[in-house]
Amino acid sequence: MLKKLIIVLIFLLPIPIRAGGEAADVVLLAVGDIMLDRYIGEAMELRGRQYPFEKIAPVLKTGDVVFGNLESMLGAGDNSPFFQDKPYNLKAPVYAAKSLKESGFTVLNLANNHAMDFGSSAIAETYRALETEGIKAFGAGMDLEKARSPVIISIKGLRFAFLGYTAAHSRLVYADKNKAGAVPIRLDYIGNDIKSVRKKADIVIVLLHWGSEYQHYPTSEQQRIAHRIIDYGADVILGHHPHVLQGMELYKGRLICYSLGNFLFDQKGDGTDRSIILSCRFRNNVLHSMEIIPVDRFHSYFPKKAEGKIKKEIMEDLKRFSLPLNTNPAKLKDIGL
């Protein structure tokens, strides 16, 4: 059994989503927080815009849909911080959009606590930069209606819908009828959005930017919210924000990942330099199999596939974090643990 834990695991997970005809396999890759400011931005400036992604891009390019949470908006140097007294305001250069595209990313979440670090102009500039590169973004916008608008993409005949929501330090981060920002985690919004998009998509994926930083376990309230969202009709929930890995849960046959950890960030130690790439293979509108790819930044800020001892430790940690979340621990084998 221990040998299985140190191997990237592929397993069958027969979760029916919607009846349909024969279709080609579609692979969705999901990563955690992506931060392209501070040291990461300096490295891109000095060593080239692709430098942070060089070791991991070949993995990302195996996906048909490649998703991540963009923790830093994109903008020019003359934008001033929206929150003058906030200690961390994150903004990356506009050319980082091309870096993300060249690395394989196709869809990005903007619903996070840094969405308004440089105000509405940076949100608008981020959308323009990503759209120029053909990357779809969601979860924030110039008003609440735009921010709540899903991204819907069709790959090989399979329709994916993405919806994003966040918790934040200030209500000023949140979008409103006539105000830019990100979408708050409100169950009435989420339930109505899923109901609306369900008619247009085969698979609904909900992104939640939430939880306590540097904690490896979600709260009971987070579990309650996640279960409600699955009850509303979400097929997969992907979480971000704690900067460390949290566990995975199967609830009513649907997958909940409470935190995928830091994918690219200038943080080190205490679990902030370990994460996973989640690879989901869909076949005939069914989540047919999944692969957990451990990611290591232990010796560098820049991600690469974990190997050997670190790979084993990440898989064992993920199992430990997941055990309390599943009422039937034997079910952990269904998510590769």
C-alpha atoms as a PDB file:
ATOM      1  CA  MET A   1       0.000   0.000   0.000  1.00  0.00           C
ATOM      2  CA  LEU A   2       2.841   2.394   0.875  1.00  0.00           C
ATOM      3  CA  LYS A   3       4.396   1.895  -2.547  1.00  0.00           C
ATOM      4  CA  LYS A   4       1.147   3.002  -4.111  1.00  0.00           C
ATOM      5  CA  LEU A   5       1.314   6.244  -2.169  1.00  0.00           C
ATOM      6  CA  ILE A   6       4.646   7.226  -3.693  1.00  0.00           C
ATOM      7  CA  ILE A   7       3.407   6.769  -7.217  1.00  0.00           C
ATOM      8  CA  VAL A   8       1.283   9.325  -9.015  1.00  0.00           C
ATOM      9  CA  LEU A   9      -2.045   7.604  -8.730  1.00  0.00           C
ATOM     10  CA  ILE A  10      -4.592   7.072 -11.441  1.00  0.00           C
ATOM     11  CA  PHE A  11      -7.882   5.563 -10.380  1.00  0.00           C
ATOM     12  CA  LEU A  12     -11.404   5.028 -11.510  1.00  0.00           C
ATOM     13  CA  LEU A  13     -13.991   7.367 -10.034  1.00  0.00           C
ATOM     14  CA  PRO A  14     -17.344   6.593 -11.652  1.00  0.00           C
ATOM     15  CA  ILE A  15     -19.287   9.782 -10.981  1.00  0.00           C
ATOM     16  CA  PRO A  16     -22.165  10.148 -13.437  1.00  0.00           C
ATOM     17  CA  ILE A  17     -22.726  13.764 -14.320  1.00  0.00           C
ATOM     18  CA  ARG A  18     -25.086  13.787 -17.240  1.00  0.00           C
ATOM     19  CA  ALA A  19     -26.111  11.154 -19.721  1.00  0.00           C
ATOM     20  CA  GLY A  20     -24.649  11.688 -23.148  1.00  0.00           C
ATOM     21  CA  GLY A  21     -23.292  10.072 -26.257  1.00  0.00           C
ATOM     22  CA  GLU A  22     -19.783   8.889 -26.909  1.00  0.00           C
ATOM     23  CA  ALA A  23     -17.136  11.594 -26.677  1.00  0.00           C
ATOM     24  CA  ALA A  24     -13.366  11.850 -26.545  1.00  0.00           C
ATOM     25  CA  ASP A  25     -11.622  12.116 -23.187  1.00  0.00           C
ATOM     26  CA  VAL A  26     -11.156  15.646 -21.826  1.00  0.00           C
ATOM     27  CA  VAL A  27      -8.419  16.290 -19.249  1.00  0.00           C
ATOM     28  CA  LEU A  28      -8.849  19.149 -16.768  1.00  0.00           C
ATOM     29  CA  LEU A  29      -5.745  20.210 -14.813  1.00  0.00           C
ATOM     30  CA  ALA A  30      -6.248  22.389 -11.719  1.00  0.00           C
ATOM     31  CA  VAL A  31      -3.533  24.116  -9.696  1.00  0.00           C
ATOM     32  CA  GLY A  32      -3.505  26.325  -6.606  1.00  0.00           C
ATOM     33  CA  ASP A  33      -2.537  29.954  -6.019  1.00  0.00           C
ATOM     34  CA  ILE A  34      -0.486  31.746  -8.693  1.00  0.00           C
ATOM     35  CA  MET A  35       1.271  34.922  -7.554  1.00  0.00           C
ATOM     36  CA  LEU A  36       3.401  36.763 -10.141  1.00  0.00           C
ATOM     37  CA  ASP A  37       4.466  39.846  -8.169  1.00  0.00           C
ATOM     38  CA  ARG A  38       7.409  40.510  -5.782  1.00  0.00           C
ATOM     39  CA  TYR A  39      10.257  38.000  -6.166  1.00  0.00           C
ATOM     40  CA  ILE A  40       8.447  36.048  -8.900  1.00  0.00           C
ATOM     41  CA  GLY A  41       7.965  39.221 -10.935  1.00  0.00           C
ATOM     42  CA  GLU A  42      11.634  40.156 -10.450  1.00  0.00           C
ATOM     43  CA  ALA A  43      12.704  36.729 -11.687  1.00  0.00           C
ATOM     44  CA  MET A  44      10.538  37.116 -14.787  1.00  0.00           C
ATOM     45  CA  GLU A  45      12.087  40.523 -15.453  1.00  0.00           C
ATOM     46  CA  LEU A  46      15.679  39.281 -15.043  1.00  0.00           C
ATOM     47  CA  ARG A  47      15.488  35.750 -16.461  1.00  0.00           C
ATOM     48  CA  GLY A  48      12.597  35.909 -18.922  1.00  0.00           C
ATOM     49  CA  ARG A  49       8.860  35.717 -18.605  1.00  0.00           C
ATOM     50  CA  GLN A  50       8.784  31.899 -18.877  1.00  0.00           C
ATOM     51  CA  TYR A  51      11.431  31.238 -16.238  1.00  0.00           C
ATOM     52  CA  PRO A  52       9.055  30.505 -13.298  1.00  0.00           C
ATOM     53  CA  PHE A  53       7.132  27.936 -15.363  1.00  0.00           C
ATOM     54  CA  GLU A  54       9.991  26.207 -17.217  1.00  0.00           C
ATOM     55  CA  LYS A  55      10.031  22.992 -15.172  1.00  0.00           C
ATOM     56  CA  ILE A  56       6.263  22.552 -14.894  1.00  0.00           C
ATOM     57  CA  ALA A  57       4.966  23.782 -18.266  1.00  0.00           C
ATOM     58  CA  PRO A  58       5.402  20.354 -19.956  1.00  0.00           C
ATOM     59  CA  VAL A  59       2.973  18.909 -17.397  1.00  0.00           C
ATOM     60  CA  LEU A  60       0.453  21.726 -17.809  1.00  0.00           C
ATOM     61  CA  LYS A  61       0.470  21.372 -21.581  1.00  0.00           C
ATOM     62  CA  THR A  62      -0.928  17.832 -21.281  1.00  0.00           C
ATOM     63  CA  GLY A  63      -4.308  19.249 -20.219  1.00  0.00           C
ATOM     64  CA  ASP A  64      -7.202  20.221 -22.468  1.00  0.00           C
ATOM     65  CA  VAL A  65      -8.395  22.696 -19.831  1.00  0.00           C
ATOM     66  CA  VAL A  66      -5.817  24.177 -17.446  1.00  0.00           C
ATOM     67  CA  PHE A  67      -7.086  26.166 -14.476  1.00  0.00           C
ATOM     68  CA  GLY A  68      -5.521  28.170 -11.639  1.00  0.00           C
ATOM     69  CA  ASN A  69      -6.266  30.962  -9.183  1.00  0.00           C
ATOM     70  CA  LEU A  70      -4.566  34.217 -10.223  1.00  0.00           C
ATOM     71  CA  GLU A  71      -3.621  35.811  -6.906  1.00  0.00           C
ATOM     72  CA  SER A  72      -2.148  38.976  -8.440  1.00  0.00           C
ATOM     73  CA  MET A  73      -3.969  41.252 -10.864  1.00  0.00           C
ATOM     74  CA  LEU A  74      -2.132  42.492 -13.961  1.00  0.00           C
ATOM     75  CA  GLY A  75      -1.465  46.175 -14.516  1.00  0.00           C
ATOM     76  CA  ALA A  76       0.884  48.987 -15.368  1.00  0.00           C
ATOM     77  CA  GLY A  77       3.316  50.377 -12.845  1.00  0.00           C
ATOM     78  CA  ASP A  78       1.389  53.606 -12.342  1.00  0.00           C
ATOM     79  CA  ASN A  79      -1.623  51.979 -10.650  1.00  0.00           C
ATOM     80  CA  SER A  80      -1.833  52.991  -7.000  1.00  0.00           C
ATOM     81  CA  PRO A  81      -3.064  50.621  -4.248  1.00  0.00           C
ATOM     82  CA  PHE A  82      -6.774  50.694  -3.500  1.00  0.00           C
ATOM     83  CA  PHE A  83      -6.128  49.832   0.172  1.00  0.00           C
ATOM     84  CA  GLN A  84      -3.400  52.245   1.274  1.00  0.00           C
ATOM     85  CA  ASP A  85      -2.896  50.630   4.698  1.00  0.00           C
ATOM     86  CA  LYS A  86      -2.978  47.008   3.526  1.00  0.00           C
ATOM     87  CA  PRO A  87       0.426  45.311   3.990  1.00  0.00           C
ATOM     88  CA  TYR A  88       0.276  43.127   0.859  1.00  0.00           C
ATOM     89  CA  ASN A  89      -0.970  44.549  -2.434  1.00  0.00           C
ATOM     90  CA  LEU A  90      -0.195  42.277  -5.368  1.00  0.00           C
ATOM     91  CA  LYS A  91       0.062  43.227  -9.032  1.00  0.00           C
ATOM     92  CA  ALA A  92       2.048  41.595 -11.833  1.00  0.00           C
ATOM     93  CA  PRO A  93       3.201  43.091 -15.150  1.00  0.00           C
ATOM     94  CA  VAL A  94       0.780  42.872 -18.057  1.00  0.00           C
ATOM     95  CA  TYR A  95       3.157  40.647 -20.032  1.00  0.00           C
ATOM     96  CA  ALA A  96       2.590  37.914 -17.418  1.00  0.00           C
ATOM     97  CA  ALA A  97      -0.602  37.086 -19.335  1.00  0.00           C
ATOM     98  CA  LYS A  98       1.579  35.813 -22.167  1.00  0.00           C
ATOM     99  CA  SER A  99       3.629  33.786 -19.664  1.00  0.00           C
ATOM    100  CA  LEU A 100       0.477  32.092 -18.429  1.00  0.00           C
ATOM    101  CA  LYS A 101      -0.718  31.364 -21.968  1.00  0.00           C
ATOM    102  CA  GLU A 102       2.632  29.958 -23.074  1.00  0.00           C
ATOM    103  CA  SER A 103       2.671  27.725 -19.996  1.00  0.00           C
ATOM    104  CA  GLY A 104      -0.665  26.161 -20.914  1.00  0.00           C
ATOM    105  CA  PHE A 105      -3.264  28.019 -18.820  1.00  0.00           C
ATOM    106  CA  THR A 106      -6.679  28.429 -20.407  1.00  0.00           C
ATOM    107  CA  VAL A 107      -8.975  29.471 -17.502  1.00  0.00           C
ATOM    108  CA  LEU A 108      -8.211  31.615 -14.427  1.00  0.00           C
ATOM    109  CA  ASN A 109     -10.169  32.538 -11.310  1.00  0.00           C
ATOM    110  CA  LEU A 110     -10.066  36.189 -10.197  1.00  0.00           C
ATOM    111  CA  ALA A 111     -12.407  35.810  -7.198  1.00  0.00           C
ATOM    112  CA  ASN A 112      -9.928  36.295  -4.382  1.00  0.00           C
ATOM    113  CA  ASN A 113      -9.001  38.742  -1.642  1.00  0.00           C
ATOM    114  CA  HIS A 114      -6.433  40.501  -3.865  1.00  0.00           C
ATOM    115  CA  ALA A 115      -8.874  41.280  -6.691  1.00  0.00           C
ATOM    116  CA  MET A 116      -9.212  44.934  -5.672  1.00  0.00           C
ATOM    117  CA  ASP A 117      -5.634  45.575  -4.511  1.00  0.00           C
ATOM    118  CA  PHE A 118      -5.214  48.134  -7.309  1.00  0.00           C
ATOM    119  CA  GLY A 119      -8.832  49.009  -7.887  1.00  0.00           C
ATOM    120  CA  SER A 120     -11.223  48.589 -10.779  1.00  0.00           C
ATOM    121  CA  SER A 121      -8.697  49.724 -13.390  1.00  0.00           C
ATOM    122  CA  ALA A 122      -6.465  46.738 -12.637  1.00  0.00           C
ATOM    123  CA  ILE A 123      -9.413  44.341 -12.910  1.00  0.00           C
ATOM    124  CA  ALA A 124     -10.259  45.798 -16.322  1.00  0.00           C
ATOM    125  CA  GLU A 125      -6.616  45.665 -17.407  1.00  0.00           C
ATOM    126  CA  THR A 126      -6.317  42.065 -16.232  1.00  0.00           C
ATOM    127  CA  TYR A 127      -9.320  41.018 -18.302  1.00  0.00           C
ATOM    128  CA  ARG A 128      -7.972  42.792 -21.383  1.00  0.00           C
ATOM    129  CA  ALA A 129      -4.536  41.197 -21.044  1.00  0.00           C
ATOM    130  CA  LEU A 130      -5.916  37.699 -20.519  1.00  0.00           C
ATOM    131  CA  GLU A 131      -8.464  38.000 -23.317  1.00  0.00           C
ATOM    132  CA  THR A 132      -5.719  39.111 -25.696  1.00  0.00           C
ATOM    133  CA  GLU A 133      -3.973  35.811 -24.976  1.00  0.00           C
ATOM    134  CA  GLY A 134      -7.171  33.772 -25.286  1.00  0.00           C
ATOM    135  CA  ILE A 135      -7.395  33.013 -21.547  1.00  0.00           C
ATOM    136  CA  LYS A 136     -10.871  33.025 -19.992  1.00  0.00           C
ATOM    137  CA  ALA A 137     -11.302  34.691 -16.587  1.00  0.00           C
ATOM    138  CA  PHE A 138     -14.176  34.839 -14.097  1.00  0.00           C
ATOM    139  CA  GLY A 139     -15.071  35.660 -10.501  1.00  0.00           C
ATOM    140  CA  ALA A 140     -14.468  39.423 -10.589  1.00  0.00           C
ATOM    141  CA  GLY A 141     -15.641  42.241 -12.810  1.00  0.00           C
ATOM    142  CA  MET A 142     -16.694  45.856 -13.209  1.00  0.00           C
ATOM    143  CA  ASP A 143     -20.002  45.137 -11.486  1.00  0.00           C
ATOM    144  CA  LEU A 144     -21.699  42.238  -9.719  1.00  0.00           C
ATOM    145  CA  GLU A 145     -23.481  40.954 -12.813  1.00  0.00           C
ATOM    146  CA  LYS A 146     -20.211  40.717 -14.737  1.00  0.00           C
ATOM    147  CA  ALA A 147     -18.389  39.211 -11.781  1.00  0.00           C
ATOM    148  CA  ARG A 148     -21.018  36.485 -11.374  1.00  0.00           C
ATOM    149  CA  SER A 149     -20.993  35.619 -15.074  1.00  0.00           C
ATOM    150  CA  PRO A 150     -19.682  32.094 -15.604  1.00  0.00           C
ATOM    151  CA  VAL A 151     -17.017  31.057 -18.026  1.00  0.00           C
ATOM    152  CA  ILE A 152     -18.408  28.331 -20.283  1.00  0.00           C
ATOM    153  CA  ILE A 153     -16.073  26.473 -22.587  1.00  0.00           C
ATOM    154  CA  SER A 154     -16.679  23.541 -24.880  1.00  0.00           C
ATOM    155  CA  ILE A 155     -13.888  21.016 -25.390  1.00  0.00           C
ATOM    156  CA  LYS A 156     -14.452  18.020 -27.656  1.00  0.00           C
ATOM    157  CA  GLY A 157     -18.191  18.484 -27.237  1.00  0.00           C
ATOM    158  CA  LEU A 158     -18.087  18.629 -23.416  1.00  0.00           C
ATOM    159  CA  ARG A 159     -19.280  21.893 -21.847  1.00  0.00           C
ATOM    160  CA  PHE A 160     -17.563  23.133 -18.663  1.00  0.00           C
ATOM    161  CA  ALA A 161     -18.896  26.005 -16.550  1.00  0.00           C
ATOM    162  CA  PHE A 162     -16.692  27.810 -14.010  1.00  0.00           C
ATOM    163  CA  LEU A 163     -18.028  29.972 -11.163  1.00  0.00           C
ATOM    164  CA  GLY A 164     -15.852  31.764  -8.590  1.00  0.00           C
ATOM    165  CA  TYR A 165     -16.466  33.212  -5.111  1.00  0.00           C
ATOM    166  CA  THR A 166     -14.255  34.580  -2.341  1.00  0.00           C
ATOM    167  CA  ALA A 167     -14.003  35.594   1.284  1.00  0.00           C
ATOM    168  CA  ALA A 168     -12.142  38.877   1.875  1.00  0.00           C
ATOM    169  CA  HIS A 169     -10.789  41.195   4.563  1.00  0.00           C
ATOM    170  CA  SER A 170     -13.075  44.066   3.555  1.00  0.00           C
ATOM    171  CA  ARG A 171     -16.496  44.460   1.992  1.00  0.00           C
ATOM    172  CA  LEU A 172     -14.838  46.883  -0.418  1.00  0.00           C
ATOM    173  CA  VAL A 173     -13.341  43.866  -2.197  1.00  0.00           C
ATOM    174  CA  TYR A 174     -16.808  42.681  -3.196  1.00  0.00           C
ATOM    175  CA  ALA A 175     -18.574  43.696  -6.387  1.00  0.00           C
ATOM    176  CA  ASP A 176     -21.974  45.358  -6.230  1.00  0.00           C
ATOM    177  CA  LYS A 177     -24.579  46.558  -8.729  1.00  0.00           C
ATOM    178  CA  ASN A 178     -22.532  49.613  -9.687  1.00  0.00           C
ATOM    179  CA  LYS A 179     -19.146  48.706  -8.201  1.00  0.00           C
ATOM    180  CA  ALA A 180     -16.224  46.585  -9.372  1.00  0.00           C
ATOM    181  CA  GLY A 181     -14.876  43.718  -7.310  1.00  0.00           C
ATOM    182  CA  ALA A 182     -15.079  39.992  -6.691  1.00  0.00           C
ATOM    183  CA  VAL A 183     -18.085  37.819  -5.855  1.00  0.00           C
ATOM    184  CA  PRO A 184     -18.562  37.052  -2.141  1.00  0.00           C
ATOM    185  CA  ILE A 185     -19.258  33.546  -0.913  1.00  0.00           C
ATOM    186  CA  ARG A 186     -23.028  33.774  -0.521  1.00  0.00           C
ATOM    187  CA  LEU A 187     -25.107  30.639  -0.768  1.00  0.00           C
ATOM    188  CA  ASP A 188     -28.017  32.476  -2.391  1.00  0.00           C
ATOM    189  CA  TYR A 189     -25.729  33.709  -5.178  1.00  0.00           C
ATOM    190  CA  ILE A 190     -24.112  30.310  -5.607  1.00  0.00           C
ATOM    191  CA  GLY A 191     -27.378  28.371  -5.656  1.00  0.00           C
ATOM    192  CA  ASN A 192     -28.955  30.684  -8.221  1.00  0.00           C
ATOM    193  CA  ASP A 193     -25.826  30.773 -10.379  1.00  0.00           C
ATOM    194  CA  ILE A 194     -25.564  26.981 -10.489  1.00  0.00           C
ATOM    195  CA  LYS A 195     -29.259  26.661 -11.330  1.00  0.00           C
ATOM    196  CA  SER A 196     -28.879  29.178 -14.138  1.00  0.00           C
ATOM    197  CA  VAL A 197     -25.755  27.670 -15.679  1.00  0.00           C
ATOM    198  CA  ARG A 198     -26.801  24.047 -15.265  1.00  0.00           C
ATOM    199  CA  LYS A 199     -28.894  24.263 -18.427  1.00  0.00           C
ATOM    200  CA  LYS A 200     -25.875  25.427 -20.448  1.00  0.00           C
ATOM    201  CA  ALA A 201     -23.158  23.098 -19.154  1.00  0.00           C
ATOM    202  CA  ASP A 202     -22.477  19.412 -18.644  1.00  0.00           C
ATOM    203  CA  ILE A 203     -20.027  19.965 -15.777  1.00  0.00           C
ATOM    204  CA  VAL A 204     -20.196  22.774 -13.209  1.00  0.00           C
ATOM    205  CA  ILE A 205     -17.010  23.600 -11.317  1.00  0.00           C
ATOM    206  CA  VAL A 206     -17.158  26.002  -8.359  1.00  0.00           C
ATOM    207  CA  LEU A 207     -14.047  27.802  -7.119  1.00  0.00           C
ATOM    208  CA  LEU A 208     -13.942  28.981  -3.506  1.00  0.00           C
ATOM    209  CA  HIS A 209     -11.207  31.288  -2.190  1.00  0.00           C
ATOM    210  CA  TRP A 210     -11.595  30.763   1.522  1.00  0.00           C
ATOM    211  CA  GLY A 211     -10.395  29.253   4.778  1.00  0.00           C
ATOM    212  CA  SER A 212      -7.762  30.007   7.398  1.00  0.00           C
ATOM    213  CA  GLU A 213      -4.252  30.694   6.158  1.00  0.00           C
ATOM    214  CA  TYR A 214      -1.602  28.058   6.962  1.00  0.00           C
ATOM    215  CA  GLN A 215      -4.150  25.631   8.406  1.00  0.00           C
ATOM    216  CA  HIS A 216      -4.344  22.133   6.913  1.00  0.00           C
ATOM    217  CA  TYR A 217      -7.968  21.445   7.827  1.00  0.00           C
ATOM    218  CA  PRO A 218     -11.150  23.292   6.824  1.00  0.00           C
ATOM    219  CA  THR A 219     -13.650  24.340   9.468  1.00  0.00           C
ATOM    220  CA  SER A 220     -16.942  22.566  10.045  1.00  0.00           C
ATOM    221  CA  GLU A 221     -18.654  25.648   8.570  1.00  0.00           C
ATOM    222  CA  GLN A 222     -16.634  25.272   5.366  1.00  0.00           C
ATOM    223  CA  GLN A 223     -17.708  21.653   5.131  1.00  0.00           C
ATOM    224  CA  ARG A 224     -21.337  22.659   5.616  1.00  0.00           C
ATOM    225  CA  ILE A 225     -21.065  25.259   2.845  1.00  0.00           C
ATOM    226  CA  ALA A 226     -19.302  22.851   0.497  1.00  0.00           C
ATOM    227  CA  HIS A 227     -21.986  20.219   1.034  1.00  0.00           C
ATOM    228  CA  ARG A 228     -24.726  22.746   0.291  1.00  0.00           C
ATOM    229  CA  ILE A 229     -22.990  23.730  -2.944  1.00  0.00           C
ATOM    230  CA  ILE A 230     -22.806  20.094  -4.031  1.00  0.00           C
ATOM    231  CA  ASP A 231     -26.495  19.747  -3.133  1.00  0.00           C
ATOM    232  CA  TYR A 232     -27.187  22.749  -5.404  1.00  0.00           C
ATOM    233  CA  GLY A 233     -25.688  20.803  -8.308  1.00  0.00           C
ATOM    234  CA  ALA A 234     -21.941  21.493  -8.457  1.00  0.00           C
ATOM    235  CA  ASP A 235     -19.873  18.612  -9.779  1.00  0.00           C
ATOM    236  CA  VAL A 236     -16.458  19.646  -8.441  1.00  0.00           C
ATOM    237  CA  ILE A 237     -15.371  22.212  -5.822  1.00  0.00           C
ATOM    238  CA  LEU A 238     -11.804  23.548  -5.885  1.00  0.00           C
ATOM    239  CA  GLY A 239     -10.493  25.635  -2.995  1.00  0.00           C
ATOM    240  CA  HIS A 240      -7.651  28.137  -2.590  1.00  0.00           C
ATOM    241  CA  HIS A 241      -6.258  30.723  -0.146  1.00  0.00           C
ATOM    242  CA  PRO A 242      -4.738  28.886   2.873  1.00  0.00           C
ATOM    243  CA  HIS A 243      -1.334  28.712   1.047  1.00  0.00           C
ATOM    244  CA  VAL A 244      -0.997  25.081   2.168  1.00  0.00           C
ATOM    245  CA  LEU A 245      -2.617  21.822   1.166  1.00  0.00           C
ATOM    246  CA  GLN A 246      -5.878  20.756   2.741  1.00  0.00           C
ATOM    247  CA  GLY A 247      -7.728  17.485   2.376  1.00  0.00           C
ATOM    248  CA  MET A 248     -10.073  16.112  -0.245  1.00  0.00           C
ATOM    249  CA  GLU A 249     -13.567  14.794   0.346  1.00  0.00           C
ATOM    250  CA  LEU A 250     -16.089  12.725  -1.533  1.00  0.00           C
ATOM    251  CA  TYR A 251     -19.599  13.925  -0.746  1.00  0.00           C
ATOM    252  CA  LYS A 252     -22.495  12.252  -2.528  1.00  0.00           C
ATOM    253  CA  GLY A 253     -19.993  11.029  -5.087  1.00  0.00           C
ATOM    254  CA  ARG A 254     -18.753  14.553  -5.872  1.00  0.00           C
ATOM    255  CA  LEU A 255     -15.225  15.798  -5.304  1.00  0.00           C
ATOM    256  CA  ILE A 256     -14.325  18.632  -2.911  1.00  0.00           C
ATOM    257  CA  CYS A 257     -10.734  19.873  -2.719  1.00  0.00           C
ATOM    258  CA  TYR A 258     -10.595  22.339   0.159  1.00  0.00           C
ATOM    259  CA  SER A 259      -7.207  23.841  -0.768  1.00  0.00           C
ATOM    260  CA  LEU A 260      -4.784  22.973  -3.563  1.00  0.00           C
ATOM    261  CA  GLY A 261      -1.979  24.965  -1.898  1.00  0.00           C
ATOM    262  CA  ASN A 262       0.513  27.384  -3.443  1.00  0.00           C
ATOM    263  CA  PHE A 263       1.371  26.561  -7.035  1.00  0.00           C
ATOM    264  CA  LEU A 264       3.662  29.547  -7.707  1.00  0.00           C
ATOM    265  CA  PHE A 265       4.381  31.890  -4.788  1.00  0.00           C
ATOM    266  CA  ASP A 266       7.366  33.469  -3.064  1.00  0.00           C
ATOM    267  CA  GLN A 267       6.650  31.728   0.236  1.00  0.00           C
ATOM    268  CA  LYS A 268       8.781  28.990   1.781  1.00  0.00           C
ATOM    269  CA  GLY A 269       8.462  26.550   4.651  1.00  0.00           C
ATOM    270  CA  ASP A 270       5.641  25.196   6.826  1.00  0.00           C
ATOM    271  CA  GLY A 271       3.938  23.520   3.879  1.00  0.00           C
ATOM    272  CA  THR A 272       3.691  26.641   1.701  1.00  0.00           C
ATOM    273  CA  ASP A 273       6.142  25.124  -0.807  1.00  0.00           C
ATOM    274  CA  ARG A 274       4.171  21.921  -1.454  1.00  0.00           C
ATOM    275  CA  SER A 275       1.000  21.502  -3.489  1.00  0.00           C
ATOM    276  CA  ILE A 276      -0.609  19.310  -6.124  1.00  0.00           C
ATOM    277  CA  ILE A 277      -1.829  19.446  -9.684  1.00  0.00           C
ATOM    278  CA  LEU A 278      -5.207  17.747  -9.844  1.00  0.00           C
ATOM    279  CA  SER A 279      -5.790  16.004 -13.163  1.00  0.00           C
ATOM    280  CA  CYS A 280      -9.403  15.018 -13.844  1.00  0.00           C
ATOM    281  CA  ARG A 281     -10.235  12.936 -16.905  1.00  0.00           C
ATOM    282  CA  PHE A 282     -13.815  13.235 -18.126  1.00  0.00           C
ATOM    283  CA  ARG A 283     -15.324  10.653 -20.462  1.00  0.00           C
ATOM    284  CA  ASN A 284     -18.895  10.709 -21.767  1.00  0.00           C
ATOM    285  CA  ASN A 285     -19.839  13.448 -19.276  1.00  0.00           C
ATOM    286  CA  VAL A 286     -18.452  11.381 -16.389  1.00  0.00           C
ATOM    287  CA  LEU A 287     -15.481  12.088 -14.128  1.00  0.00           C
ATOM    288  CA  HIS A 288     -13.869   8.843 -15.150  1.00  0.00           C
ATOM    289  CA  SER A 289     -10.444   8.980 -13.517  1.00  0.00           C
ATOM    290  CA  MET A 290      -8.159  11.288 -11.598  1.00  0.00           C
ATOM    291  CA  GLU A 291      -4.444  11.722 -11.121  1.00  0.00           C
ATOM    292  CA  ILE A 292      -2.744  13.488  -8.220  1.00  0.00           C
ATOM    293  CA  ILE A 293       0.541  15.074  -9.280  1.00  0.00           C
ATOM    294  CA  PRO A 294       2.560  16.318  -6.281  1.00  0.00           C
ATOM    295  CA  VAL A 295       4.322  19.648  -6.856  1.00  0.00           C
ATOM    296  CA  ASP A 296       7.554  20.641  -5.119  1.00  0.00           C
ATOM    297  CA  ARG A 297       9.024  24.109  -4.526  1.00  0.00           C
ATOM    298  CA  PHE A 298      11.196  22.987  -1.584  1.00  0.00           C
ATOM    299  CA  HIS A 299      14.524  23.973  -3.162  1.00  0.00           C
ATOM    300  CA  SER A 300      13.161  26.836  -5.259  1.00  0.00           C
ATOM    301  CA  TYR A 301      10.209  29.200  -5.492  1.00  0.00           C
ATOM    302  CA  PHE A 302       9.396  27.733  -8.897  1.00  0.00           C
ATOM    303  CA  PRO A 303       7.221  24.611  -9.254  1.00  0.00           C
ATOM    304  CA  LYS A 304       8.337  21.237 -10.533  1.00  0.00           C
ATOM    305  CA  LYS A 305       6.998  17.696 -10.241  1.00  0.00           C
ATOM    306  CA  ALA A 306       7.884  16.265  -6.848  1.00  0.00           C
ATOM    307  CA  GLU A 307      10.040  13.163  -6.806  1.00  0.00           C
ATOM    308  CA  GLY A 308      11.285  10.625  -4.268  1.00  0.00           C
ATOM    309  CA  LYS A 309      10.971  11.477  -0.577  1.00  0.00           C
ATOM    310  CA  ILE A 310       9.134  14.787  -1.086  1.00  0.00           C
ATOM    311  CA  LYS A 311       6.613  13.180  -3.421  1.00  0.00           C
ATOM    312  CA  LYS A 312       5.944  10.453  -0.873  1.00  0.00           C
ATOM    313  CA  GLU A 313       5.555  12.976   1.950  1.00  0.00           C
ATOM    314  CA  ILE A 314       3.078  15.083  -0.019  1.00  0.00           C
ATOM    315  CA  MET A 315       0.896  12.069  -0.758  1.00  0.00           C
ATOM    316  CA  GLU A 316       1.017  10.903   2.845  1.00  0.00           C
ATOM    317  CA  ASP A 317       0.190  14.411   4.106  1.00  0.00           C
ATOM    318  CA  LEU A 318      -2.762  14.654   1.725  1.00  0.00           C
ATOM    319  CA  LYS A 319      -4.105  11.354   3.031  1.00  0.00           C
ATOM    320  CA  ARG A 320      -3.709  12.529   6.636  1.00  0.00           C
ATOM    321  CA  PHE A 321      -5.488  15.817   5.888  1.00  0.00           C
ATOM    322  CA  SER A 322      -8.302  13.965   4.103  1.00  0.00           C
ATOM    323  CA  LEU A 323      -9.051  11.273   6.697  1.00  0.00           C
ATOM    324  CA  PRO A 324     -11.186  13.437   9.039  1.00  0.00           C
ATOM    325  CA  LEU A 325     -13.249  14.792   6.147  1.00  0.00           C
ATOM    326  CA  ASN A 326     -14.644  11.473   4.965  1.00  0.00           C
ATOM    327  CA  THR A 327     -17.256   9.592   7.001  1.00  0.00           C
ATOM    328  CA  ASN A 328     -16.066   6.353   5.443  1.00  0.00           C
ATOM    329  CA  PRO A 329     -12.229   6.363   5.419  1.00  0.00           C
ATOM    330  CA  ALA A 330     -12.254   3.348   3.109  1.00  0.00           C
ATOM    331  CA  LYS A 331     -13.562   5.702   0.430  1.00  0.00           C
ATOM    332  CA  LEU A 332     -10.183   7.450   0.370  1.00  0.00           C
ATOM    333  CA  LYS A 333      -8.989   4.818  -2.044  1.00  0.00           C
ATOM    334  CA  ASP A 334     -11.552   6.234  -4.504  1.00  0.00           C
ATOM    335  CA  ILE A 335      -9.622   9.503  -4.568  1.00  0.00           C
ATOM    336  CA  GLY A 336      -6.224   7.822  -4.793  1.00  0.00           C
ATOM    337  CA  LEU A 337      -5.226   7.920  -1.121  1.00  0.00           C
END
